[in-house]
Amino acid sequence: MKKVFIFSFLLMLFCSKENVPKDGVVSVNGTWITQGEIDKIVEMYREQMTRMMPQQALQPVPPEVRKNVAMQLIANELVLQEAKKRRIGCDSAKVETTFAGIVKQFPDATTMKSQLARMGQTEQTLRGQIKDGLTVDSLMKTLFKKSDTATALECKTYYDGNKSQFASEKRIKASQILLLVKKEMSADQKKDVSDKAKKILAELRAGKDFGACAKKYSQDPNASTGGDIGWFKKGDIKPEFERVAMTLKSNEISDVFETDVGFHIIKKTGEENLPPKSFDEVRPQIKNMIELKKHNDVVKQFVDSLFSISKITYADTAYKPLNGSIGK
């Protein structure tokens, strides 16, 4: 439930309200959402995207992001107004606990005040925004009571109709030729091992039997069986080994590659898809999925109902929904 509203809660934390702001762009039952509020959230979005994809740091924020932020702020305000109308309270102790948790995220009080000031906030306004967020959360909990549980039948029905979603990963079978590299080896000695591996690969490319070469050259414990290392799936082996093995076609031989134990040549000898995970294995996952969808449906229906009975005026029509059905 908290996941559904975490973004909404953050928006409330970092946005301030004014009764009649000069830069108001949308009025929600008389309470204005300002250009400054939208800009703050858009900047948070831009900073987050820059951290994830630095190459896009100079790219402008898409116009639809601003419109989506505005719509989310409108929804937040509508829900907060409804919570106050229903006289839903907020535990002051929880406000202070939440505030203390935020304080701990800063190295010192000076840094915190500086960051708050950068966002147009003070400790007092921050407490107010926390209170608003918790008030909305309390309202949501009352709405979610009827959709908090996914029944066993709902879970099983979903599983039976979507088994492909729960198919286990494929597993492959392979054989390898391994030439060990010891930590005390010099660079020249290591190069000799690498060169030997390349010569073995040349023999294989020329048609030499892989199993015979494994028995003759490999220093792997399975050399006597032709290098057969058996079946494995993703996550069972070293990542660098896995990357090569998973890309091979059936009976294909890899190039020489290196791991922390030495130089490898591998041959893919089999592949199969594991059966889908059982219902009991994935039931908790399905339960969470269904309950999250129920919560999201409740939120959408509730917010849509508030939109339908509210007076929303767009001073800046750039933020008006395309269908024109909300506000005027």
C-alpha atoms as a PDB file:
ATOM      1  CA  MET A   1       0.000   0.000   0.000  1.00  0.00           C
ATOM      2  CA  LYS A   2       2.827   2.411   0.887  1.00  0.00           C
ATOM      3  CA  LYS A   3       4.483   1.743  -2.466  1.00  0.00           C
ATOM      4  CA  VAL A   4       1.401   3.014  -4.275  1.00  0.00           C
ATOM      5  CA  PHE A   5       1.698   6.415  -2.635  1.00  0.00           C
ATOM      6  CA  ILE A   6       5.407   6.822  -2.113  1.00  0.00           C
ATOM      7  CA  PHE A   7       5.745   9.203  -5.064  1.00  0.00           C
ATOM      8  CA  SER A   8       2.676  11.157  -3.975  1.00  0.00           C
ATOM      9  CA  PHE A   9       4.091  11.402  -0.477  1.00  0.00           C
ATOM     10  CA  LEU A  10       7.404  12.727  -1.796  1.00  0.00           C
ATOM     11  CA  LEU A  11       5.601  15.308  -3.873  1.00  0.00           C
ATOM     12  CA  MET A  12       3.848  16.549  -0.750  1.00  0.00           C
ATOM     13  CA  LEU A  13       7.086  16.668   1.178  1.00  0.00           C
ATOM     14  CA  PHE A  14       8.821  18.924  -1.291  1.00  0.00           C
ATOM     15  CA  CYS A  15       6.050  21.243  -2.424  1.00  0.00           C
ATOM     16  CA  SER A  16       4.715  24.287  -0.595  1.00  0.00           C
ATOM     17  CA  LYS A  17       1.302  25.947  -0.863  1.00  0.00           C
ATOM     18  CA  GLU A  18       0.224  29.548  -1.244  1.00  0.00           C
ATOM     19  CA  ASN A  19      -3.379  30.704  -1.215  1.00  0.00           C
ATOM     20  CA  VAL A  20      -3.178  33.096  -4.196  1.00  0.00           C
ATOM     21  CA  PRO A  21       0.239  32.708  -5.813  1.00  0.00           C
ATOM     22  CA  LYS A  22       1.292  34.910  -8.702  1.00  0.00           C
ATOM     23  CA  ASP A  23       2.552  31.904 -10.642  1.00  0.00           C
ATOM     24  CA  GLY A  24      -0.531  29.737 -10.123  1.00  0.00           C
ATOM     25  CA  VAL A  25      -1.217  27.435 -13.055  1.00  0.00           C
ATOM     26  CA  VAL A  26      -4.022  25.158 -11.794  1.00  0.00           C
ATOM     27  CA  SER A  27      -6.710  25.877  -9.198  1.00  0.00           C
ATOM     28  CA  VAL A  28      -8.085  22.858  -7.322  1.00  0.00           C
ATOM     29  CA  ASN A  29     -11.286  23.893  -5.565  1.00  0.00           C
ATOM     30  CA  GLY A  30      -9.666  27.271  -4.932  1.00  0.00           C
ATOM     31  CA  THR A  31      -6.234  26.022  -3.886  1.00  0.00           C
ATOM     32  CA  TRP A  32      -3.547  26.854  -6.410  1.00  0.00           C
ATOM     33  CA  ILE A  33      -0.809  24.642  -7.724  1.00  0.00           C
ATOM     34  CA  THR A  34       2.081  26.845  -8.795  1.00  0.00           C
ATOM     35  CA  GLN A  35       4.604  26.731 -11.578  1.00  0.00           C
ATOM     36  CA  GLY A  36       7.261  26.685  -8.876  1.00  0.00           C
ATOM     37  CA  GLU A  37       5.857  23.478  -7.378  1.00  0.00           C
ATOM     38  CA  ILE A  38       5.848  21.771 -10.742  1.00  0.00           C
ATOM     39  CA  ASP A  39       9.372  22.993 -11.502  1.00  0.00           C
ATOM     40  CA  LYS A  40      10.672  21.544  -8.214  1.00  0.00           C
ATOM     41  CA  ILE A  41       9.333  18.092  -8.977  1.00  0.00           C
ATOM     42  CA  VAL A  42      10.518  18.225 -12.581  1.00  0.00           C
ATOM     43  CA  GLU A  43      13.996  19.148 -11.352  1.00  0.00           C
ATOM     44  CA  MET A  44      13.943  16.173  -8.958  1.00  0.00           C
ATOM     45  CA  TYR A  45      12.994  13.986 -11.922  1.00  0.00           C
ATOM     46  CA  ARG A  46      15.769  15.470 -14.076  1.00  0.00           C
ATOM     47  CA  GLU A  47      18.400  14.941 -11.368  1.00  0.00           C
ATOM     48  CA  GLN A  48      17.306  11.338 -10.884  1.00  0.00           C
ATOM     49  CA  MET A  49      17.423  10.615 -14.611  1.00  0.00           C
ATOM     50  CA  THR A  50      20.855  12.263 -14.871  1.00  0.00           C
ATOM     51  CA  ARG A  51      22.193   9.974 -12.142  1.00  0.00           C
ATOM     52  CA  MET A  52      20.804   6.946 -13.970  1.00  0.00           C
ATOM     53  CA  MET A  53      21.761   8.078 -17.494  1.00  0.00           C
ATOM     54  CA  PRO A  54      24.499  10.769 -17.373  1.00  0.00           C
ATOM     55  CA  GLN A  55      24.584  10.901 -21.185  1.00  0.00           C
ATOM     56  CA  GLN A  56      21.147  12.540 -21.137  1.00  0.00           C
ATOM     57  CA  ALA A  57      22.121  15.331 -18.730  1.00  0.00           C
ATOM     58  CA  LEU A  58      21.743  18.027 -21.390  1.00  0.00           C
ATOM     59  CA  GLN A  59      18.495  16.697 -22.809  1.00  0.00           C
ATOM     60  CA  PRO A  60      15.350  18.755 -22.051  1.00  0.00           C
ATOM     61  CA  VAL A  61      12.644  17.221 -19.888  1.00  0.00           C
ATOM     62  CA  PRO A  62       9.820  15.934 -22.134  1.00  0.00           C
ATOM     63  CA  PRO A  63       6.632  18.100 -21.984  1.00  0.00           C
ATOM     64  CA  GLU A  64       4.540  15.082 -20.951  1.00  0.00           C
ATOM     65  CA  VAL A  65       6.601  14.800 -17.755  1.00  0.00           C
ATOM     66  CA  ARG A  66       5.489  18.293 -16.683  1.00  0.00           C
ATOM     67  CA  LYS A  67       1.879  17.464 -17.490  1.00  0.00           C
ATOM     68  CA  ASN A  68       2.082  14.196 -15.538  1.00  0.00           C
ATOM     69  CA  VAL A  69       3.593  15.988 -12.551  1.00  0.00           C
ATOM     70  CA  ALA A  70       0.810  18.567 -12.643  1.00  0.00           C
ATOM     71  CA  MET A  71      -1.857  15.846 -12.775  1.00  0.00           C
ATOM     72  CA  GLN A  72      -0.247  14.042  -9.837  1.00  0.00           C
ATOM     73  CA  LEU A  73      -0.181  17.249  -7.803  1.00  0.00           C
ATOM     74  CA  ILE A  74      -3.844  17.856  -8.620  1.00  0.00           C
ATOM     75  CA  ALA A  75      -4.694  14.322  -7.475  1.00  0.00           C
ATOM     76  CA  ASN A  76      -2.680  14.806  -4.276  1.00  0.00           C
ATOM     77  CA  GLU A  77      -4.520  18.013  -3.482  1.00  0.00           C
ATOM     78  CA  LEU A  78      -7.927  16.477  -4.147  1.00  0.00           C
ATOM     79  CA  VAL A  79      -7.214  13.520  -1.863  1.00  0.00           C
ATOM     80  CA  LEU A  80      -5.836  15.779   0.884  1.00  0.00           C
ATOM     81  CA  GLN A  81      -8.915  17.997   0.694  1.00  0.00           C
ATOM     82  CA  GLU A  82     -11.164  14.953   0.938  1.00  0.00           C
ATOM     83  CA  ALA A  83      -9.230  13.619   3.941  1.00  0.00           C
ATOM     84  CA  LYS A  84      -9.663  16.942   5.741  1.00  0.00           C
ATOM     85  CA  LYS A  85     -13.346  17.014   4.793  1.00  0.00           C
ATOM     86  CA  ARG A  86     -13.741  13.607   6.442  1.00  0.00           C
ATOM     87  CA  ARG A  87     -11.882  14.911   9.504  1.00  0.00           C
ATOM     88  CA  ILE A  88      -9.250  12.211   9.240  1.00  0.00           C
ATOM     89  CA  GLY A  89      -6.600  12.916  11.816  1.00  0.00           C
ATOM     90  CA  CYS A  90      -2.882  12.261  12.008  1.00  0.00           C
ATOM     91  CA  ASP A  91      -0.832  10.943  14.917  1.00  0.00           C
ATOM     92  CA  SER A  92       1.538  13.755  15.931  1.00  0.00           C
ATOM     93  CA  ALA A  93       3.994  11.211  17.325  1.00  0.00           C
ATOM     94  CA  LYS A  94       4.223   9.573  13.903  1.00  0.00           C
ATOM     95  CA  VAL A  95       4.879  12.975  12.343  1.00  0.00           C
ATOM     96  CA  GLU A  96       7.842  13.466  14.673  1.00  0.00           C
ATOM     97  CA  THR A  97       9.119   9.937  14.059  1.00  0.00           C
ATOM     98  CA  THR A  98       8.987  10.477  10.303  1.00  0.00           C
ATOM     99  CA  PHE A  99      10.645  13.872  10.670  1.00  0.00           C
ATOM    100  CA  ALA A 100      13.431  12.331  12.771  1.00  0.00           C
ATOM    101  CA  GLY A 101      13.988   9.729  10.068  1.00  0.00           C
ATOM    102  CA  ILE A 102      14.471  12.477   7.490  1.00  0.00           C
ATOM    103  CA  VAL A 103      16.851  14.373   9.782  1.00  0.00           C
ATOM    104  CA  LYS A 104      19.069  11.270  10.029  1.00  0.00           C
ATOM    105  CA  GLN A 105      19.578  11.325   6.286  1.00  0.00           C
ATOM    106  CA  PHE A 106      21.605  14.538   6.574  1.00  0.00           C
ATOM    107  CA  PRO A 107      25.135  14.726   8.026  1.00  0.00           C
ATOM    108  CA  ASP A 108      24.280  17.748  10.190  1.00  0.00           C
ATOM    109  CA  ALA A 109      21.588  20.354  10.896  1.00  0.00           C
ATOM    110  CA  THR A 110      23.263  23.014   8.746  1.00  0.00           C
ATOM    111  CA  THR A 111      23.247  20.789   5.678  1.00  0.00           C
ATOM    112  CA  MET A 112      19.613  19.907   6.255  1.00  0.00           C
ATOM    113  CA  LYS A 113      18.544  23.555   6.562  1.00  0.00           C
ATOM    114  CA  SER A 114      20.510  24.382   3.422  1.00  0.00           C
ATOM    115  CA  GLN A 115      18.846  21.611   1.443  1.00  0.00           C
ATOM    116  CA  LEU A 116      15.404  22.566   2.718  1.00  0.00           C
ATOM    117  CA  ALA A 117      16.020  26.190   1.807  1.00  0.00           C
ATOM    118  CA  ARG A 118      17.047  25.131  -1.706  1.00  0.00           C
ATOM    119  CA  MET A 119      13.627  23.496  -2.034  1.00  0.00           C
ATOM    120  CA  GLY A 120      11.792  26.460  -0.527  1.00  0.00           C
ATOM    121  CA  GLN A 121      11.142  24.634   2.745  1.00  0.00           C
ATOM    122  CA  THR A 122      11.714  25.094   6.462  1.00  0.00           C
ATOM    123  CA  GLU A 123      11.542  22.522   9.238  1.00  0.00           C
ATOM    124  CA  GLN A 124       8.081  23.820  10.105  1.00  0.00           C
ATOM    125  CA  THR A 125       6.728  23.514   6.560  1.00  0.00           C
ATOM    126  CA  LEU A 126       8.358  20.106   6.246  1.00  0.00           C
ATOM    127  CA  ARG A 127       6.492  18.907   9.319  1.00  0.00           C
ATOM    128  CA  GLY A 128       3.306  20.238   7.758  1.00  0.00           C
ATOM    129  CA  GLN A 129       3.929  18.321   4.545  1.00  0.00           C
ATOM    130  CA  ILE A 130       4.683  15.138   6.513  1.00  0.00           C
ATOM    131  CA  LYS A 131       1.389  15.595   8.353  1.00  0.00           C
ATOM    132  CA  ASP A 132      -0.450  15.988   5.049  1.00  0.00           C
ATOM    133  CA  GLY A 133       1.201  12.864   3.666  1.00  0.00           C
ATOM    134  CA  LEU A 134       0.314  10.776   6.689  1.00  0.00           C
ATOM    135  CA  THR A 135      -3.238  12.111   6.617  1.00  0.00           C
ATOM    136  CA  VAL A 136      -3.619  10.990   3.022  1.00  0.00           C
ATOM    137  CA  ASP A 137      -2.094   7.631   3.950  1.00  0.00           C
ATOM    138  CA  SER A 138      -4.709   7.203   6.681  1.00  0.00           C
ATOM    139  CA  LEU A 139      -7.485   7.903   4.188  1.00  0.00           C
ATOM    140  CA  MET A 140      -6.031   5.388   1.764  1.00  0.00           C
ATOM    141  CA  LYS A 141      -5.938   2.708   4.457  1.00  0.00           C
ATOM    142  CA  THR A 142      -9.665   3.098   4.990  1.00  0.00           C
ATOM    143  CA  LEU A 143     -10.258   2.779   1.245  1.00  0.00           C
ATOM    144  CA  PHE A 144      -8.029  -0.274   0.948  1.00  0.00           C
ATOM    145  CA  LYS A 145      -9.745  -2.316   3.646  1.00  0.00           C
ATOM    146  CA  LYS A 146     -12.012  -4.036   1.138  1.00  0.00           C
ATOM    147  CA  SER A 147      -9.159  -4.819  -1.250  1.00  0.00           C
ATOM    148  CA  ASP A 148      -6.387  -5.819   1.130  1.00  0.00           C
ATOM    149  CA  THR A 149      -6.629  -9.545   0.504  1.00  0.00           C
ATOM    150  CA  ALA A 150      -6.252 -11.666  -2.606  1.00  0.00           C
ATOM    151  CA  THR A 151      -8.129 -14.932  -2.124  1.00  0.00           C
ATOM    152  CA  ALA A 152      -6.654 -18.347  -2.851  1.00  0.00           C
ATOM    153  CA  LEU A 153      -9.103 -18.729  -5.734  1.00  0.00           C
ATOM    154  CA  GLU A 154      -8.050 -15.407  -7.275  1.00  0.00           C
ATOM    155  CA  CYS A 155      -4.393 -16.396  -7.027  1.00  0.00           C
ATOM    156  CA  LYS A 156      -4.950 -19.852  -8.538  1.00  0.00           C
ATOM    157  CA  THR A 157      -7.092 -18.453 -11.355  1.00  0.00           C
ATOM    158  CA  TYR A 158      -4.359 -15.972 -12.224  1.00  0.00           C
ATOM    159  CA  TYR A 159      -1.705 -18.694 -12.108  1.00  0.00           C
ATOM    160  CA  ASP A 160      -3.662 -21.042 -14.381  1.00  0.00           C
ATOM    161  CA  GLY A 161      -4.220 -18.279 -16.925  1.00  0.00           C
ATOM    162  CA  ASN A 162      -0.659 -16.928 -16.908  1.00  0.00           C
ATOM    163  CA  LYS A 163       1.675 -19.901 -16.449  1.00  0.00           C
ATOM    164  CA  SER A 164       4.036 -18.579 -19.098  1.00  0.00           C
ATOM    165  CA  GLN A 165       4.931 -15.728 -16.724  1.00  0.00           C
ATOM    166  CA  PHE A 166       6.264 -18.238 -14.243  1.00  0.00           C
ATOM    167  CA  ALA A 167       8.311 -20.390 -16.596  1.00  0.00           C
ATOM    168  CA  SER A 168      11.674 -21.141 -15.060  1.00  0.00           C
ATOM    169  CA  GLU A 169      14.841 -20.170 -16.858  1.00  0.00           C
ATOM    170  CA  LYS A 170      16.409 -22.472 -19.379  1.00  0.00           C
ATOM    171  CA  ARG A 171      19.364 -24.556 -18.316  1.00  0.00           C
ATOM    172  CA  ILE A 172      22.252 -25.690 -20.441  1.00  0.00           C
ATOM    173  CA  LYS A 173      24.797 -28.470 -20.436  1.00  0.00           C
ATOM    174  CA  ALA A 174      28.424 -27.873 -21.349  1.00  0.00           C
ATOM    175  CA  SER A 175      31.898 -29.310 -21.401  1.00  0.00           C
ATOM    176  CA  GLN A 176      35.061 -27.334 -20.860  1.00  0.00           C
ATOM    177  CA  ILE A 177      38.796 -27.367 -21.309  1.00  0.00           C
ATOM    178  CA  LEU A 178      40.452 -25.435 -18.500  1.00  0.00           C
ATOM    179  CA  LEU A 179      44.103 -24.397 -18.285  1.00  0.00           C
ATOM    180  CA  LEU A 180      44.829 -23.143 -14.779  1.00  0.00           C
ATOM    181  CA  VAL A 181      46.654 -19.901 -14.032  1.00  0.00           C
ATOM    182  CA  LYS A 182      48.333 -19.801 -10.622  1.00  0.00           C
ATOM    183  CA  LYS A 183      48.627 -16.532  -8.701  1.00  0.00           C
ATOM    184  CA  GLU A 184      52.420 -16.814  -8.489  1.00  0.00           C
ATOM    185  CA  MET A 185      52.810 -17.052 -12.276  1.00  0.00           C
ATOM    186  CA  SER A 186      54.724 -14.291 -14.032  1.00  0.00           C
ATOM    187  CA  ALA A 187      53.257 -12.362 -16.968  1.00  0.00           C
ATOM    188  CA  ASP A 188      55.335 -14.467 -19.387  1.00  0.00           C
ATOM    189  CA  GLN A 189      54.151 -17.725 -17.810  1.00  0.00           C
ATOM    190  CA  LYS A 190      50.545 -16.562 -18.021  1.00  0.00           C
ATOM    191  CA  LYS A 191      51.063 -15.694 -21.692  1.00  0.00           C
ATOM    192  CA  ASP A 192      52.400 -19.198 -22.318  1.00  0.00           C
ATOM    193  CA  VAL A 193      49.195 -20.651 -20.853  1.00  0.00           C
ATOM    194  CA  SER A 194      47.113 -18.320 -23.016  1.00  0.00           C
ATOM    195  CA  ASP A 195      49.056 -19.294 -26.138  1.00  0.00           C
ATOM    196  CA  LYS A 196      48.590 -22.987 -25.335  1.00  0.00           C
ATOM    197  CA  ALA A 197      44.835 -22.477 -25.013  1.00  0.00           C
ATOM    198  CA  LYS A 198      44.769 -20.784 -28.413  1.00  0.00           C
ATOM    199  CA  LYS A 199      46.636 -23.706 -29.978  1.00  0.00           C
ATOM    200  CA  ILE A 200      44.088 -26.137 -28.478  1.00  0.00           C
ATOM    201  CA  LEU A 201      41.281 -24.028 -29.894  1.00  0.00           C
ATOM    202  CA  ALA A 202      42.939 -24.184 -33.304  1.00  0.00           C
ATOM    203  CA  GLU A 203      42.957 -27.982 -33.052  1.00  0.00           C
ATOM    204  CA  LEU A 204      39.261 -27.960 -32.219  1.00  0.00           C
ATOM    205  CA  ARG A 205      38.461 -25.628 -35.095  1.00  0.00           C
ATOM    206  CA  ALA A 206      40.353 -28.029 -37.362  1.00  0.00           C
ATOM    207  CA  GLY A 207      38.005 -30.845 -36.341  1.00  0.00           C
ATOM    208  CA  LYS A 208      39.665 -32.450 -33.315  1.00  0.00           C
ATOM    209  CA  ASP A 209      37.186 -34.105 -30.938  1.00  0.00           C
ATOM    210  CA  PHE A 210      36.385 -31.850 -27.949  1.00  0.00           C
ATOM    211  CA  GLY A 211      36.189 -34.717 -25.460  1.00  0.00           C
ATOM    212  CA  ALA A 212      39.549 -36.100 -26.590  1.00  0.00           C
ATOM    213  CA  CYS A 213      41.200 -32.678 -26.259  1.00  0.00           C
ATOM    214  CA  ALA A 214      39.662 -32.230 -22.810  1.00  0.00           C
ATOM    215  CA  LYS A 215      41.083 -35.568 -21.645  1.00  0.00           C
ATOM    216  CA  LYS A 216      44.493 -34.662 -23.074  1.00  0.00           C
ATOM    217  CA  TYR A 217      44.861 -31.015 -22.060  1.00  0.00           C
ATOM    218  CA  SER A 218      42.263 -29.902 -19.502  1.00  0.00           C
ATOM    219  CA  GLN A 219      43.188 -29.347 -15.865  1.00  0.00           C
ATOM    220  CA  ASP A 220      39.565 -29.376 -14.805  1.00  0.00           C
ATOM    221  CA  PRO A 221      38.493 -32.153 -12.356  1.00  0.00           C
ATOM    222  CA  ASN A 222      36.098 -33.396 -15.046  1.00  0.00           C
ATOM    223  CA  ALA A 223      38.801 -33.832 -17.688  1.00  0.00           C
ATOM    224  CA  SER A 224      38.555 -37.630 -17.493  1.00  0.00           C
ATOM    225  CA  THR A 225      34.918 -37.484 -18.632  1.00  0.00           C
ATOM    226  CA  GLY A 226      35.728 -35.295 -21.623  1.00  0.00           C
ATOM    227  CA  GLY A 227      35.297 -32.063 -19.669  1.00  0.00           C
ATOM    228  CA  ASP A 228      31.576 -32.562 -19.012  1.00  0.00           C
ATOM    229  CA  ILE A 229      30.507 -30.120 -16.276  1.00  0.00           C
ATOM    230  CA  GLY A 230      26.836 -31.070 -16.355  1.00  0.00           C
ATOM    231  CA  TRP A 231      23.711 -28.929 -16.322  1.00  0.00           C
ATOM    232  CA  PHE A 232      23.478 -25.403 -14.917  1.00  0.00           C
ATOM    233  CA  LYS A 233      21.191 -22.381 -15.092  1.00  0.00           C
ATOM    234  CA  LYS A 234      21.745 -18.668 -14.743  1.00  0.00           C
ATOM    235  CA  GLY A 235      23.309 -17.811 -11.402  1.00  0.00           C
ATOM    236  CA  ASP A 236      24.845 -21.246 -10.824  1.00  0.00           C
ATOM    237  CA  ILE A 237      28.283 -20.405 -12.199  1.00  0.00           C
ATOM    238  CA  LYS A 238      30.749 -17.520 -12.461  1.00  0.00           C
ATOM    239  CA  PRO A 239      29.232 -14.519 -14.318  1.00  0.00           C
ATOM    240  CA  GLU A 240      32.040 -14.355 -16.885  1.00  0.00           C
ATOM    241  CA  PHE A 241      31.626 -18.092 -17.617  1.00  0.00           C
ATOM    242  CA  GLU A 242      27.859 -17.747 -17.756  1.00  0.00           C
ATOM    243  CA  ARG A 243      27.973 -14.838 -20.226  1.00  0.00           C
ATOM    244  CA  VAL A 244      29.867 -16.982 -22.729  1.00  0.00           C
ATOM    245  CA  ALA A 245      27.965 -20.226 -22.155  1.00  0.00           C
ATOM    246  CA  MET A 246      24.507 -18.692 -22.449  1.00  0.00           C
ATOM    247  CA  THR A 247      25.245 -17.151 -25.856  1.00  0.00           C
ATOM    248  CA  LEU A 248      26.488 -20.347 -27.510  1.00  0.00           C
ATOM    249  CA  LYS A 249      24.368 -22.333 -29.940  1.00  0.00           C
ATOM    250  CA  SER A 250      23.962 -26.081 -29.521  1.00  0.00           C
ATOM    251  CA  ASN A 251      27.305 -27.891 -30.075  1.00  0.00           C
ATOM    252  CA  GLU A 252      29.070 -24.560 -30.633  1.00  0.00           C
ATOM    253  CA  ILE A 253      32.595 -24.114 -29.252  1.00  0.00           C
ATOM    254  CA  SER A 254      33.553 -20.809 -27.639  1.00  0.00           C
ATOM    255  CA  ASP A 255      36.670 -18.746 -28.158  1.00  0.00           C
ATOM    256  CA  VAL A 256      39.293 -18.778 -25.417  1.00  0.00           C
ATOM    257  CA  PHE A 257      38.205 -16.641 -22.465  1.00  0.00           C
ATOM    258  CA  GLU A 258      39.644 -15.911 -19.058  1.00  0.00           C
ATOM    259  CA  THR A 259      38.287 -16.064 -15.511  1.00  0.00           C
ATOM    260  CA  ASP A 260      40.060 -15.742 -12.186  1.00  0.00           C
ATOM    261  CA  VAL A 261      41.074 -19.421 -12.302  1.00  0.00           C
ATOM    262  CA  GLY A 262      42.507 -19.592 -15.801  1.00  0.00           C
ATOM    263  CA  PHE A 263      41.719 -19.873 -19.504  1.00  0.00           C
ATOM    264  CA  HIS A 264      38.609 -21.709 -20.708  1.00  0.00           C
ATOM    265  CA  ILE A 265      37.228 -23.171 -23.893  1.00  0.00           C
ATOM    266  CA  ILE A 266      33.679 -24.479 -23.621  1.00  0.00           C
ATOM    267  CA  LYS A 267      31.289 -26.426 -25.790  1.00  0.00           C
ATOM    268  CA  LYS A 268      27.552 -26.247 -25.356  1.00  0.00           C
ATOM    269  CA  THR A 269      26.217 -29.798 -25.438  1.00  0.00           C
ATOM    270  CA  GLY A 270      22.576 -29.398 -24.421  1.00  0.00           C
ATOM    271  CA  GLU A 271      19.754 -26.982 -23.600  1.00  0.00           C
ATOM    272  CA  GLU A 272      16.274 -27.359 -22.111  1.00  0.00           C
ATOM    273  CA  ASN A 273      13.564 -25.245 -20.538  1.00  0.00           C
ATOM    274  CA  LEU A 274      12.769 -26.061 -16.940  1.00  0.00           C
ATOM    275  CA  PRO A 275       9.067 -26.595 -16.100  1.00  0.00           C
ATOM    276  CA  PRO A 276       7.078 -23.608 -14.802  1.00  0.00           C
ATOM    277  CA  LYS A 277       7.398 -22.877 -11.108  1.00  0.00           C
ATOM    278  CA  SER A 278       4.661 -24.485  -9.048  1.00  0.00           C
ATOM    279  CA  PHE A 279       1.689 -22.527  -7.773  1.00  0.00           C
ATOM    280  CA  ASP A 280       2.936 -22.803  -4.188  1.00  0.00           C
ATOM    281  CA  GLU A 281       6.298 -21.311  -5.200  1.00  0.00           C
ATOM    282  CA  VAL A 282       4.793 -18.224  -6.807  1.00  0.00           C
ATOM    283  CA  ARG A 283       1.639 -17.765  -4.748  1.00  0.00           C
ATOM    284  CA  PRO A 284       3.145 -14.991  -2.541  1.00  0.00           C
ATOM    285  CA  GLN A 285       4.268 -13.148  -5.684  1.00  0.00           C
ATOM    286  CA  ILE A 286       0.813 -13.479  -7.274  1.00  0.00           C
ATOM    287  CA  LYS A 287      -0.886 -12.387  -4.042  1.00  0.00           C
ATOM    288  CA  ASN A 288       1.200  -9.210  -3.891  1.00  0.00           C
ATOM    289  CA  MET A 289       0.565  -8.534  -7.578  1.00  0.00           C
ATOM    290  CA  ILE A 290      -3.207  -8.891  -7.282  1.00  0.00           C
ATOM    291  CA  GLU A 291      -3.410  -6.815  -4.118  1.00  0.00           C
ATOM    292  CA  LEU A 292      -1.305  -4.050  -5.672  1.00  0.00           C
ATOM    293  CA  LYS A 293      -3.583  -3.993  -8.716  1.00  0.00           C
ATOM    294  CA  LYS A 294      -6.657  -3.834  -6.458  1.00  0.00           C
ATOM    295  CA  HIS A 295      -5.133  -0.919  -4.574  1.00  0.00           C
ATOM    296  CA  ASN A 296      -4.266   0.903  -7.783  1.00  0.00           C
ATOM    297  CA  ASP A 297      -7.804   0.356  -9.096  1.00  0.00           C
ATOM    298  CA  VAL A 298      -9.250   1.740  -5.854  1.00  0.00           C
ATOM    299  CA  VAL A 299      -6.993   4.793  -6.090  1.00  0.00           C
ATOM    300  CA  LYS A 300      -7.914   5.457  -9.708  1.00  0.00           C
ATOM    301  CA  GLN A 301     -11.647   5.122  -9.097  1.00  0.00           C
ATOM    302  CA  PHE A 302     -11.457   7.287  -5.993  1.00  0.00           C
ATOM    303  CA  VAL A 303      -9.408  10.051  -7.640  1.00  0.00           C
ATOM    304  CA  ASP A 304     -11.607   9.964 -10.756  1.00  0.00           C
ATOM    305  CA  SER A 305     -14.660  10.438  -8.551  1.00  0.00           C
ATOM    306  CA  LEU A 306     -13.030  13.450  -6.871  1.00  0.00           C
ATOM    307  CA  PHE A 307     -12.138  14.955 -10.240  1.00  0.00           C
ATOM    308  CA  SER A 308     -15.744  14.603 -11.376  1.00  0.00           C
ATOM    309  CA  ILE A 309     -17.151  16.662  -8.475  1.00  0.00           C
ATOM    310  CA  SER A 310     -14.378  19.244  -8.167  1.00  0.00           C
ATOM    311  CA  LYS A 311     -13.777  22.630  -9.707  1.00  0.00           C
ATOM    312  CA  ILE A 312     -10.428  22.557 -11.446  1.00  0.00           C
ATOM    313  CA  THR A 313      -9.387  25.621 -13.418  1.00  0.00           C
ATOM    314  CA  TYR A 314      -6.356  25.692 -15.697  1.00  0.00           C
ATOM    315  CA  ALA A 315      -4.792  29.151 -15.828  1.00  0.00           C
ATOM    316  CA  ASP A 316      -2.126  27.581 -18.032  1.00  0.00           C
ATOM    317  CA  THR A 317      -3.912  25.376 -20.555  1.00  0.00           C
ATOM    318  CA  ALA A 318      -0.655  23.534 -21.323  1.00  0.00           C
ATOM    319  CA  TYR A 319      -1.425  21.425 -18.241  1.00  0.00           C
ATOM    320  CA  LYS A 320      -5.001  20.668 -19.246  1.00  0.00           C
ATOM    321  CA  PRO A 321      -5.722  16.999 -20.110  1.00  0.00           C
ATOM    322  CA  LEU A 322      -5.995  16.343 -23.824  1.00  0.00           C
ATOM    323  CA  ASN A 323      -9.562  15.043 -23.556  1.00  0.00           C
ATOM    324  CA  GLY A 324     -10.611  18.251 -21.879  1.00  0.00           C
ATOM    325  CA  SER A 325     -12.940  16.367 -19.566  1.00  0.00           C
ATOM    326  CA  ILE A 326     -11.321  17.459 -16.312  1.00  0.00           C
ATOM    327  CA  GLY A 327     -11.775  20.992 -15.112  1.00  0.00           C
ATOM    328  CA  LYS A 328     -12.265  23.926 -17.411  1.00  0.00           C
END
